C-alpha cells in the first residue's frame, strides 16, 4: 500500500504499464513478421533460443557409439557366434553316408585239423547310397536356415541400434535440459540479487522479496532433477554401447533441432519391404519350409545298401557282393510329408503377416513424425521467441512497478514451461525420426 500511495512510484507504474502495452503490440508484430520470414528457410539452434551445449574433447557422436556397440555389445557378439554355429550345420548337411568295414576270423590261433577245420577270414565293406536328392535338399534347408538366422541377426542389430538412438536422444536432451535448468537458475539468482538491493533500498517490501526468493527453490529442484536424469540416461547409453563400468566423464554431441525428412510414405514403404530383416527372415523361413517338404518326400524313397565281401578259408579264396533294399510297404514317411506341407503353408501366411506389419509400422512411424515435427516447428519458429519477449517485458514492467510480483512469477513459470515443452517436442521429433528409421530399416537421416 505504501508503494501505491507514493506519487512518484505511481507515475512510474503508469509509465511501465504504457510501455508494457506498447511493447506487447510491437513484439507481436515483430514476432509475426519474423515467423513469416524465417518459416521457409527452417530454424537453426541459435534462432530457436535453445541452451548452448558444451562438449568435452572426447564427446562421441551417434555413429561413433553405434560403431563401439558393434564391437563391444555382448548380446550382438553372442548373436554373431550363434550365426556361425548355424552356418557350420551346412557342412554337416552336405556330408555323405560313411561306408562300413567289417573284419572277422575263426581259428586264427589254433592249428588246422584237416579240411574240416581250416583257418577262416572274412572282410566286408558296405555303404548306403541315398536316393531322391536327399543331400541336395538337406543342403538347401541348411543354407536357407543360415540365411534366416543372418536376417534375424540383422534384425537384432536393427533393434539394438534403435535402442541406442533412443538412449542417445534421451541423454542429449537430458544434457540440454540440465543446461537450461542451470541457465534459468543462474538468471533467477541474479534476479533475486537485484531485488535484494531493491529491498534494501525500500523499493519493494519484505513479502514480495520472500515470495521471489521462495521461487528459487523450484529452479534449484529443476536443476537437481535434470542432473539426475542426465546421469541415468548416460549410464543406460553406456550399457547399450557395451561399457562394463559406466564412466561419469562420458559425453556425447549432436544436434538438438530435428531435420526435415524429405520423403514420401509410398517410397518409405517400398524401402522397408526391400530392407526389413524381419521380413527377409520370414521369406527365408518360406524357403526353409519348401526345402523341408522336398526333403520329406526324398526321405520317403528307398536307399539301397551295397556290400562287397572277401572270404578266405584255409587255402581257398572267395569274393561276393550283396544289395540290401528296404521294402517300404508301410513306412513311406507319410506323416512327415503331411507335416512339412502344412508348415510350408503356415510359413507363407507368416510372411504375409510380416509384410503387412512392415506397412503398418511405416505408416504409424510416418504419422508420428509428421505430428511431432509440426509441433516442434511451431515451438522453434514462434512460441520460444514469443515467450522470451513476454518474459523480458514482464521483467522490465515488474522492475519498474508496472505489474505485481505474482504476474511476473507467472511469466517466469510460463517461460520455463515453454522452454521445457520445446525441448520435449524436439526430443519427440528425433525419436519419431529414429522410429521411422527403425520401421524402414534404413538411415533416414545420415
Protein backbone atom coordinates (compact mmCIF):
# COMPACT_ATOMS: atom_id res chain seq x y z
CA UNK A 1 0.00 0.00 0.00
CA UNK A 2 2.91 2.32 0.68
CA UNK A 3 4.14 1.93 -2.88
CA UNK A 4 0.71 2.69 -4.32
CA UNK A 5 0.27 5.88 -2.30
CA UNK A 6 3.69 7.15 -3.40
CA UNK A 7 3.07 9.68 -6.23
CA UNK A 8 6.48 9.16 -7.80
CA UNK A 9 6.05 5.41 -7.86
CA UNK A 10 2.51 5.77 -9.19
CA UNK A 11 3.84 7.74 -12.14
CA UNK A 12 6.45 5.08 -12.79
CA UNK A 13 3.74 2.41 -12.67
CA UNK A 14 1.62 4.22 -15.25
CA UNK A 15 4.65 4.65 -17.49
CA UNK A 16 5.59 0.98 -17.14
CA UNK A 17 2.06 -0.17 -17.97
CA UNK A 18 2.04 2.02 -21.05
CA UNK A 19 5.40 0.63 -22.06
CA UNK A 20 4.16 -2.91 -21.46
CA UNK A 21 1.12 -2.45 -23.69
CA UNK A 22 3.13 -0.81 -26.44
CA UNK A 23 5.91 -3.38 -26.22
CA UNK A 24 3.48 -6.28 -26.44
CA UNK A 25 1.91 -4.81 -29.57
CA UNK A 26 5.27 -4.15 -31.22
CA UNK A 27 6.66 -7.52 -30.17
CA UNK A 28 3.64 -9.34 -31.54
CA UNK A 29 4.00 -7.59 -34.90
CA UNK A 30 7.75 -8.28 -35.00
CA UNK A 31 7.27 -11.90 -33.97
CA UNK A 32 4.69 -12.47 -36.71
CA UNK A 33 6.96 -10.84 -39.29
CA UNK A 34 9.94 -12.92 -38.18
CA UNK A 35 7.85 -16.08 -38.27
CA UNK A 36 6.68 -15.41 -41.82
CA UNK A 37 10.20 -14.55 -42.94
CA UNK A 38 12.01 -17.48 -41.37
CA UNK A 39 9.44 -20.23 -41.94
CA UNK A 40 10.58 -21.26 -45.45
CA UNK A 41 14.26 -21.39 -44.53
CA UNK A 42 13.80 -23.56 -41.43
CA UNK A 43 15.10 -22.99 -37.92
CA UNK A 44 18.58 -23.01 -36.51
CA UNK A 45 19.64 -23.82 -32.99
CA UNK A 46 20.62 -20.20 -32.28
CA UNK A 47 17.34 -18.82 -33.61
CA UNK A 48 15.36 -21.28 -31.54
CA UNK A 49 16.76 -19.83 -28.30
CA UNK A 50 17.92 -23.24 -27.06
CA UNK A 51 20.61 -23.59 -24.42
CA UNK A 52 24.12 -23.59 -25.83
CA UNK A 53 25.63 -27.01 -25.12
CA UNK A 54 29.29 -27.50 -24.33
CA UNK A 55 31.13 -30.70 -25.22
CA UNK A 56 34.27 -32.31 -23.89
CA UNK A 57 37.16 -33.16 -26.18
CA UNK A 58 36.16 -36.84 -26.08
CA UNK A 59 32.46 -36.32 -26.83
CA UNK A 60 31.13 -39.07 -29.09
CA UNK A 61 28.68 -38.79 -31.97
CA UNK A 62 25.78 -41.17 -32.51
CA UNK A 63 27.63 -43.02 -35.28
CA UNK A 64 30.71 -43.48 -33.09
CA UNK A 65 28.62 -45.01 -30.32
CA UNK A 66 26.99 -47.38 -32.81
CA UNK A 67 30.44 -48.44 -34.04
CA UNK A 68 31.55 -49.09 -30.46
CA UNK A 69 28.43 -51.14 -29.74
CA UNK A 70 29.02 -53.24 -32.87
CA UNK A 71 32.30 -54.47 -31.40
CA UNK A 72 31.55 -54.47 -27.67
CA UNK A 73 27.87 -55.20 -27.07
CA UNK A 74 27.78 -58.75 -25.64
CA UNK A 75 24.30 -59.52 -26.95
CA UNK A 76 25.38 -58.78 -30.54
CA UNK A 77 28.61 -60.72 -30.09
CA UNK A 78 26.64 -63.74 -28.85
CA UNK A 79 24.23 -63.49 -31.79
CA UNK A 80 27.15 -63.47 -34.25
CA UNK A 81 28.56 -66.62 -32.70
CA UNK A 82 25.15 -68.25 -32.95
CA UNK A 83 25.09 -67.42 -36.66
CA UNK A 84 28.48 -69.08 -37.17
CA UNK A 85 27.20 -72.15 -35.36
CA UNK A 86 24.17 -72.34 -37.65
CA UNK A 87 26.39 -71.85 -40.72
CA UNK A 88 28.54 -74.80 -39.61
CA UNK A 89 25.47 -77.01 -39.98
CA UNK A 90 25.77 -76.55 -43.74
CA UNK A 91 28.90 -78.68 -43.55
CA UNK A 92 27.04 -81.40 -41.71
CA UNK A 93 24.12 -81.27 -44.12
CA UNK A 94 26.44 -81.89 -47.07
CA UNK A 95 28.27 -84.95 -45.73
CA UNK A 96 27.68 -88.30 -47.42
CA UNK A 97 26.97 -91.62 -45.71
CA UNK A 98 30.05 -93.35 -44.27
CA UNK A 99 30.98 -96.82 -45.51
CA UNK A 100 31.22 -99.70 -43.04
CA UNK A 101 34.16 -102.09 -42.80
CA UNK A 102 33.76 -105.45 -41.04
CA UNK A 103 36.54 -108.00 -40.37
CA UNK A 104 36.27 -111.29 -38.54
CA UNK A 105 38.06 -114.64 -38.40
CA UNK A 106 37.97 -118.08 -36.72
CA UNK A 107 40.66 -120.50 -35.61
CA UNK A 108 43.30 -117.87 -36.01
CA UNK A 109 45.40 -119.21 -33.11
CA UNK A 110 44.72 -122.97 -33.35
CA UNK A 111 46.35 -125.34 -35.87
CA UNK A 112 44.15 -126.53 -38.67
CA UNK A 113 42.90 -130.08 -38.25
CA UNK A 114 42.33 -131.13 -41.77
CA UNK A 115 39.93 -129.67 -44.23
CA UNK A 116 37.07 -129.78 -41.71
CA UNK A 117 38.53 -127.05 -39.52
CA UNK A 118 40.59 -124.64 -41.63
CA UNK A 119 41.57 -121.10 -40.88
CA UNK A 120 38.75 -118.70 -41.82
CA UNK A 121 38.91 -114.94 -42.50
CA UNK A 122 36.27 -112.55 -43.79
CA UNK A 123 36.33 -108.82 -44.73
CA UNK A 124 33.24 -106.83 -45.68
CA UNK A 125 32.76 -103.26 -46.95
CA UNK A 126 29.24 -101.75 -47.19
CA UNK A 127 27.81 -98.35 -47.95
CA UNK A 128 24.36 -96.77 -48.01
CA UNK A 129 23.51 -94.88 -51.22
CA UNK A 130 20.95 -92.09 -50.81
CA UNK A 131 18.33 -91.57 -53.46
CA UNK A 132 15.82 -88.78 -54.11
CA UNK A 133 18.38 -85.91 -53.88
CA UNK A 134 18.34 -86.07 -50.08
CA UNK A 135 21.74 -84.40 -49.78
CA UNK A 136 20.67 -81.60 -52.11
CA UNK A 137 17.56 -80.77 -50.10
CA UNK A 138 19.42 -81.05 -46.79
CA UNK A 139 21.92 -78.51 -48.09
CA UNK A 140 19.12 -76.28 -49.36
CA UNK A 141 17.37 -76.36 -45.99
CA UNK A 142 20.62 -75.70 -44.11
CA UNK A 143 21.59 -72.77 -46.33
CA UNK A 144 18.11 -71.27 -46.07
CA UNK A 145 18.29 -71.66 -42.28
CA UNK A 146 21.60 -69.79 -42.32
CA UNK A 147 20.00 -67.01 -44.36
CA UNK A 148 17.14 -66.87 -41.91
CA UNK A 149 19.50 -66.69 -38.93
CA UNK A 150 21.57 -63.99 -40.65
CA UNK A 151 18.40 -61.95 -41.20
CA UNK A 152 17.47 -62.45 -37.54
CA UNK A 153 20.93 -61.17 -36.56
CA UNK A 154 20.38 -58.11 -38.74
CA UNK A 155 17.00 -57.58 -37.08
CA UNK A 156 18.57 -57.86 -33.64
CA UNK A 157 21.20 -55.34 -34.72
CA UNK A 158 18.43 -53.07 -36.01
CA UNK A 159 16.67 -53.24 -32.66
CA UNK A 160 19.93 -52.59 -30.83
CA UNK A 161 20.69 -49.56 -33.00
CA UNK A 162 17.18 -48.26 -32.36
CA UNK A 163 17.66 -48.63 -28.61
CA UNK A 164 20.99 -46.81 -28.85
CA UNK A 165 19.39 -43.97 -30.84
CA UNK A 166 16.64 -43.64 -28.26
CA UNK A 167 19.13 -43.63 -25.39
CA UNK A 168 21.36 -41.17 -27.25
CA UNK A 169 18.44 -38.79 -27.80
CA UNK A 170 17.36 -39.10 -24.17
CA UNK A 171 20.87 -38.29 -22.97
CA UNK A 172 21.36 -35.41 -25.42
CA UNK A 173 18.12 -33.74 -24.35
CA UNK A 174 18.79 -34.51 -20.71
CA UNK A 175 22.02 -32.64 -21.20
CA UNK A 176 20.11 -29.76 -22.82
CA UNK A 177 17.52 -29.81 -20.03
CA UNK A 178 20.29 -29.60 -17.44
CA UNK A 179 21.89 -26.67 -19.25
CA UNK A 180 18.52 -24.95 -19.47
CA UNK A 181 17.87 -25.55 -15.76
CA UNK A 182 21.30 -24.18 -14.89
CA UNK A 183 20.78 -21.10 -17.09
CA UNK A 184 17.36 -20.47 -15.53
CA UNK A 185 18.77 -20.92 -12.04
CA UNK A 186 21.64 -18.54 -12.77
CA UNK A 187 19.31 -15.90 -14.24
CA UNK A 188 16.81 -16.14 -11.42
CA UNK A 189 19.52 -15.95 -8.77
CA UNK A 190 20.68 -12.79 -10.46
CA UNK A 191 17.10 -11.51 -10.32
CA UNK A 192 16.92 -12.33 -6.61
CA UNK A 193 20.18 -10.48 -6.02
CA UNK A 194 18.83 -7.41 -7.81
CA UNK A 195 15.65 -7.48 -5.80
CA UNK A 196 17.65 -7.83 -2.60
CA UNK A 197 19.20 -4.49 -3.46
CA UNK A 198 15.73 -3.10 -4.16
CA UNK A 199 14.57 -4.43 -0.80
CA UNK A 200 17.45 -2.74 0.97
CA UNK A 201 16.58 0.50 -0.83
CA UNK A 202 12.91 0.22 0.16
CA UNK A 203 11.67 -0.19 -3.43
CA UNK A 204 9.88 -3.47 -2.63
CA UNK A 205 8.52 -4.86 0.60
CA UNK A 206 9.72 -7.92 2.54
CA UNK A 207 6.76 -10.09 1.45
CA UNK A 208 7.46 -9.63 -2.27
CA UNK A 209 11.11 -10.45 -1.79
CA UNK A 210 10.38 -13.59 0.19
CA UNK A 211 7.96 -14.76 -2.49
CA UNK A 212 10.61 -14.17 -5.09
CA UNK A 213 13.26 -15.93 -3.04
CA UNK A 214 10.93 -18.85 -2.41
CA UNK A 215 10.52 -19.34 -6.16
CA UNK A 216 14.27 -20.02 -6.30
CA UNK A 217 13.62 -23.41 -4.70
CA UNK A 218 11.74 -24.57 -7.80
CA UNK A 219 14.67 -23.66 -10.03
CA UNK A 220 17.06 -25.50 -7.73
CA UNK A 221 14.76 -28.53 -7.74
CA UNK A 222 14.61 -28.47 -11.55
CA UNK A 223 18.40 -28.35 -11.75
CA UNK A 224 18.84 -31.29 -9.35
CA UNK A 225 16.26 -33.42 -11.19
CA UNK A 226 17.88 -32.62 -14.55
CA UNK A 227 21.30 -33.60 -13.21
CA UNK A 228 19.98 -36.97 -12.00
CA UNK A 229 18.18 -37.60 -15.29
CA UNK A 230 21.37 -36.91 -17.25
CA UNK A 231 23.40 -39.35 -15.16
CA UNK A 232 20.80 -42.11 -15.52
CA UNK A 233 20.45 -41.66 -19.28
CA UNK A 234 24.24 -41.66 -19.63
CA UNK A 235 24.55 -44.97 -17.78
CA UNK A 236 21.83 -46.52 -19.94
CA UNK A 237 23.56 -45.45 -23.16
CA UNK A 238 26.94 -46.72 -21.97
CA UNK A 239 25.43 -50.11 -21.12
CA UNK A 240 23.96 -50.42 -24.60
CA UNK A 241 27.32 -49.45 -26.10
CA UNK A 242 28.98 -52.32 -24.24
CA UNK A 243 30.76 -50.49 -21.41
CA UNK A 244 31.27 -52.81 -18.45
CA UNK A 245 31.57 -49.93 -15.94
CA UNK A 246 29.82 -46.58 -16.52
CA UNK A 247 32.12 -43.57 -16.80
CA UNK A 248 30.98 -40.29 -15.26
CA UNK A 249 33.05 -38.39 -17.83
CA UNK A 250 31.20 -39.99 -20.75
CA UNK A 251 29.98 -37.28 -23.14
CA UNK A 252 28.12 -37.06 -26.45
CA UNK A 253 27.49 -34.41 -29.07
CA UNK A 254 24.63 -33.92 -31.50
CA UNK A 255 22.05 -31.54 -32.95
CA UNK A 256 19.01 -30.52 -30.96
CA UNK A 257 16.97 -29.20 -33.87
CA UNK A 258 15.42 -32.12 -35.79
CA UNK A 259 15.81 -32.01 -39.59
CA UNK A 260 13.15 -32.36 -42.26
CA UNK A 261 12.55 -35.81 -43.76
CA UNK A 262 12.26 -35.30 -47.50
CA UNK A 263 10.50 -38.49 -48.49
CA UNK A 264 7.03 -39.88 -49.11
CA UNK A 265 5.08 -42.60 -47.37
CA UNK A 266 4.94 -44.75 -50.52
CA UNK A 267 8.69 -44.51 -51.01
CA UNK A 268 9.38 -45.34 -47.38
CA UNK A 269 7.11 -48.39 -47.53
CA UNK A 270 8.99 -49.74 -50.53
CA UNK A 271 12.33 -49.13 -48.85
CA UNK A 272 11.09 -51.01 -45.81
CA UNK A 273 9.94 -54.01 -47.85
CA UNK A 274 13.35 -54.12 -49.52
CA UNK A 275 15.41 -53.69 -46.35
CA UNK A 276 13.48 -55.02 -43.33
CA UNK A 277 15.42 -58.01 -41.97
CA UNK A 278 12.42 -59.47 -40.13
CA UNK A 279 10.54 -59.63 -43.44
CA UNK A 280 13.64 -61.15 -45.07
CA UNK A 281 13.74 -63.73 -42.25
CA UNK A 282 10.11 -64.63 -42.93
CA UNK A 283 10.91 -65.11 -46.61
CA UNK A 284 13.90 -67.29 -45.72
CA UNK A 285 11.62 -69.33 -43.47
CA UNK A 286 9.43 -69.98 -46.51
CA UNK A 287 12.46 -71.33 -48.38
CA UNK A 288 13.39 -73.49 -45.41
CA UNK A 289 9.86 -74.91 -45.28
CA UNK A 290 9.87 -75.58 -49.03
CA UNK A 291 13.20 -77.41 -48.78
CA UNK A 292 11.84 -79.44 -45.86
CA UNK A 293 8.86 -80.52 -47.98
CA UNK A 294 11.17 -81.75 -50.70
CA UNK A 295 13.41 -83.44 -48.14
CA UNK A 296 10.42 -85.18 -46.55
CA UNK A 297 9.44 -86.63 -49.92
CA UNK A 298 13.04 -87.56 -50.60
CA UNK A 299 13.22 -89.35 -47.25
CA UNK A 300 10.29 -91.46 -48.42
CA UNK A 301 12.38 -93.03 -51.17
CA UNK A 302 14.31 -96.30 -50.76
CA UNK A 303 18.03 -96.16 -50.04
CA UNK A 304 19.86 -99.37 -51.07
CA UNK A 305 22.93 -100.63 -49.22
CA UNK A 306 25.66 -102.21 -51.38
CA UNK A 307 28.07 -104.63 -49.74
CA UNK A 308 31.27 -106.28 -51.01
CA UNK A 309 32.86 -109.29 -49.24
CA UNK A 310 36.14 -111.20 -49.35
CA UNK A 311 36.48 -114.62 -47.66
CA UNK A 312 39.47 -116.95 -47.16
CA UNK A 313 39.00 -120.39 -45.73
CA UNK A 314 42.16 -122.43 -45.48
CA UNK A 315 43.72 -122.27 -48.90
CA UNK A 316 40.52 -121.22 -50.64
CA UNK A 317 39.56 -117.65 -51.54
CA UNK A 318 36.14 -116.31 -52.42
CA UNK A 319 34.52 -112.92 -53.06
CA UNK A 320 30.94 -111.76 -53.31
CA UNK A 321 28.55 -108.89 -53.01
CA UNK A 322 25.05 -108.19 -51.79
CA UNK A 323 22.43 -105.46 -52.12
CA UNK A 324 20.08 -104.62 -49.26
CA UNK A 325 16.91 -102.84 -50.43
CA UNK A 326 14.27 -101.94 -47.81
CA UNK A 327 10.74 -102.69 -48.91
CA UNK A 328 8.81 -99.58 -47.96
CA UNK A 329 5.41 -101.17 -47.83
CA UNK A 330 4.19 -99.37 -44.70
CA UNK A 331 6.54 -96.54 -43.71
CA UNK A 332 6.90 -94.14 -46.60
CA UNK A 333 7.39 -91.09 -44.38
CA UNK A 334 3.75 -90.15 -44.86
CA UNK A 335 3.36 -88.22 -41.59
CA UNK A 336 6.45 -86.06 -42.12
CA UNK A 337 5.33 -85.29 -45.66
CA UNK A 338 1.97 -84.01 -44.48
CA UNK A 339 3.50 -82.08 -41.60
CA UNK A 340 6.03 -80.37 -43.87
CA UNK A 341 3.28 -79.29 -46.27
CA UNK A 342 1.22 -77.70 -43.50
CA UNK A 343 4.30 -75.95 -42.12
CA UNK A 344 5.14 -74.63 -45.58
CA UNK A 345 1.64 -73.17 -45.89
CA UNK A 346 1.93 -71.65 -42.41
CA UNK A 347 5.24 -70.02 -43.36
CA UNK A 348 3.53 -68.34 -46.31
CA UNK A 349 0.90 -66.83 -44.03
CA UNK A 350 3.66 -65.74 -41.64
CA UNK A 351 5.47 -63.97 -44.48
CA UNK A 352 2.24 -62.22 -45.47
CA UNK A 353 1.70 -61.13 -41.86
CA UNK A 354 5.28 -59.81 -41.75
CA UNK A 355 4.68 -57.83 -44.93
CA UNK A 356 1.50 -56.31 -43.50
CA UNK A 357 3.34 -55.47 -40.29
CA UNK A 358 6.04 -53.66 -42.26
CA UNK A 359 3.48 -51.44 -43.97
CA UNK A 360 1.70 -50.77 -40.67
CA UNK A 361 4.93 -49.91 -38.86
CA UNK A 362 5.96 -47.43 -41.54
CA UNK A 363 2.53 -45.78 -41.63
CA UNK A 364 2.44 -45.40 -37.84
CA UNK A 365 6.00 -44.04 -37.72
CA UNK A 366 5.24 -41.60 -40.53
CA UNK A 367 2.17 -40.08 -38.87
CA UNK A 368 4.09 -39.89 -35.59
CA UNK A 369 6.90 -37.99 -37.29
CA UNK A 370 4.60 -35.57 -39.11
CA UNK A 371 2.73 -34.74 -35.91
CA UNK A 372 5.88 -34.31 -33.81
CA UNK A 373 7.65 -32.26 -36.48
CA UNK A 374 4.70 -29.91 -36.86
CA UNK A 375 4.64 -29.22 -33.12
CA UNK A 376 8.42 -28.75 -32.82
CA UNK A 377 8.39 -26.32 -35.74
CA UNK A 378 5.73 -24.20 -34.03
CA UNK A 379 7.85 -24.02 -30.90
CA UNK A 380 11.02 -23.31 -32.83
CA UNK A 381 9.60 -20.70 -35.17
CA UNK A 382 7.16 -18.92 -32.90
CA UNK A 383 6.48 -19.90 -29.30
CA UNK A 384 10.02 -19.77 -27.94
CA UNK A 385 10.68 -16.27 -29.26
CA UNK A 386 7.27 -15.04 -28.14
CA UNK A 387 7.79 -16.47 -24.66
CA UNK A 388 11.17 -14.78 -24.39
CA UNK A 389 9.69 -11.41 -25.42
CA UNK A 390 6.88 -11.70 -22.89
CA UNK A 391 9.32 -12.56 -20.10
CA UNK A 392 11.60 -9.63 -20.97
CA UNK A 393 8.66 -7.22 -20.97
CA UNK A 394 7.25 -8.66 -17.73
CA UNK A 395 10.65 -8.37 -16.07
CA UNK A 396 11.00 -4.74 -17.13
CA UNK A 397 7.46 -3.94 -16.04
CA UNK A 398 7.93 -5.58 -12.64
CA UNK A 399 11.24 -3.84 -12.00
CA UNK A 400 9.55 -0.51 -12.77
CA UNK A 401 6.40 -1.21 -10.76
CA UNK A 402 4.15 -1.81 -13.75
CA UNK A 403 2.89 -5.28 -12.73
CA UNK A 404 2.57 -7.20 -9.50
CA UNK A 405 5.06 -9.82 -8.37
CA UNK A 406 2.55 -12.62 -8.93
CA UNK A 407 2.22 -11.62 -12.58
CA UNK A 408 5.99 -11.60 -13.02
CA UNK A 409 6.33 -15.04 -11.40
CA UNK A 410 3.62 -16.34 -13.71
CA UNK A 411 5.62 -15.07 -16.69
CA UNK A 412 8.73 -16.78 -15.31
CA UNK A 413 6.90 -20.09 -14.89
CA UNK A 414 5.36 -19.80 -18.35
CA UNK A 415 8.74 -19.14 -19.91
CA UNK A 416 10.26 -22.14 -18.14
CA UNK A 417 7.33 -24.32 -19.19
CA UNK A 418 7.54 -23.23 -22.84
CA UNK A 419 11.30 -23.88 -22.96
CA UNK A 420 10.86 -27.31 -21.40
CA UNK A 421 7.99 -28.17 -23.74
CA UNK A 422 10.09 -27.03 -26.70
CA UNK A 423 12.92 -29.37 -25.72
CA UNK A 424 10.40 -32.19 -25.27
CA UNK A 425 8.92 -31.52 -28.71
CA UNK A 426 12.39 -31.63 -30.30
CA UNK A 427 13.17 -34.86 -28.47
CA UNK A 428 9.88 -36.41 -29.58
CA UNK A 429 10.61 -35.43 -33.18
CA UNK A 430 14.06 -37.01 -33.03
CA UNK A 431 12.55 -40.16 -31.51
CA UNK A 432 9.95 -40.18 -34.30
CA UNK A 433 12.75 -39.94 -36.88
CA UNK A 434 14.54 -42.84 -35.19
CA UNK A 435 11.27 -44.78 -35.18
CA UNK A 436 10.93 -44.11 -38.90
CA UNK A 437 14.48 -45.36 -39.49
CA UNK A 438 13.69 -48.43 -37.42
CA UNK A 439 10.45 -49.11 -39.31
CA UNK A 440 12.13 -48.82 -42.70
CA UNK A 441 15.45 -50.41 -41.68
CA UNK A 442 17.22 -47.52 -43.40
CA UNK A 443 19.16 -44.49 -42.26
CA UNK A 444 16.58 -41.72 -42.71
CA UNK A 445 18.99 -39.02 -41.52
CA UNK A 446 22.66 -39.56 -42.47
